[in-house]
């Protein structure tokens, strides 16, 4: 698990591609500072930003 809000958009894209190369790998990034937890594919978060 990483704190993703300090990463650049390009870094998010690289990280999002890792599970496509090896499906056994799961990546979790914290990209917000809310008090609730939402699980979304990183590719969707990248598209919205």
Protein backbone atom coordinates (compact mmCIF):
# COMPACT_ATOMS: atom_id res chain seq x y z
CA UNK A 1 0.00 0.00 0.00
CA UNK A 2 1.36 3.39 -0.99
CA UNK A 3 0.28 6.96 -0.48
CA UNK A 4 -0.47 7.93 -4.08
CA UNK A 5 -1.39 11.57 -3.70
CA UNK A 6 2.30 12.51 -3.83
CA UNK A 7 2.93 10.63 -7.08
CA UNK A 8 2.85 12.25 -10.50
CA UNK A 9 0.21 11.20 -13.02
CA UNK A 10 2.89 9.47 -15.10
CA UNK A 11 3.90 7.41 -12.05
CA UNK A 12 0.26 6.38 -11.55
CA UNK A 13 0.13 5.19 -15.16
CA UNK A 14 3.27 3.09 -14.73
CA UNK A 15 1.91 1.57 -11.51
CA UNK A 16 -1.47 0.87 -13.17
CA UNK A 17 0.29 -1.17 -15.87
CA UNK A 18 2.09 -3.50 -13.43
CA UNK A 19 -0.93 -5.80 -12.77
CA UNK A 20 -1.50 -6.06 -16.54
CA UNK A 21 2.02 -7.46 -16.90
CA UNK A 22 1.63 -9.84 -13.95
CA UNK A 23 -1.99 -10.51 -12.85
CA UNK A 24 -0.79 -11.96 -9.53
CA UNK A 25 0.28 -8.47 -8.44
CA UNK A 26 -2.28 -6.28 -6.67
CA UNK A 27 -1.59 -2.57 -6.10
CA UNK A 28 -3.32 -0.38 -3.50
CA UNK A 29 -2.80 3.39 -3.54
CA UNK A 30 -4.24 5.94 -1.17
CA UNK A 31 -5.15 8.92 -3.36
CA UNK A 32 -7.45 10.90 -1.12
CA UNK A 33 -7.69 11.98 2.45
CA UNK A 34 -11.33 11.22 3.13
CA UNK A 35 -12.54 9.30 6.14
CA UNK A 36 -14.34 6.70 4.05
CA UNK A 37 -12.77 4.04 1.85
CA UNK A 38 -13.69 3.63 -1.81
CA UNK A 39 -12.16 0.91 -3.95
CA UNK A 40 -11.75 1.92 -7.59
CA UNK A 41 -9.49 0.73 -10.38
CA UNK A 42 -6.52 3.06 -10.71
CA UNK A 43 -7.22 3.44 -14.42
CA UNK A 44 -10.58 5.07 -13.54
CA UNK A 45 -8.92 7.46 -11.08
CA UNK A 46 -6.36 8.43 -13.73
CA UNK A 47 -9.10 9.13 -16.28
CA UNK A 48 -10.96 11.44 -13.85
CA UNK A 49 -7.89 13.48 -12.94
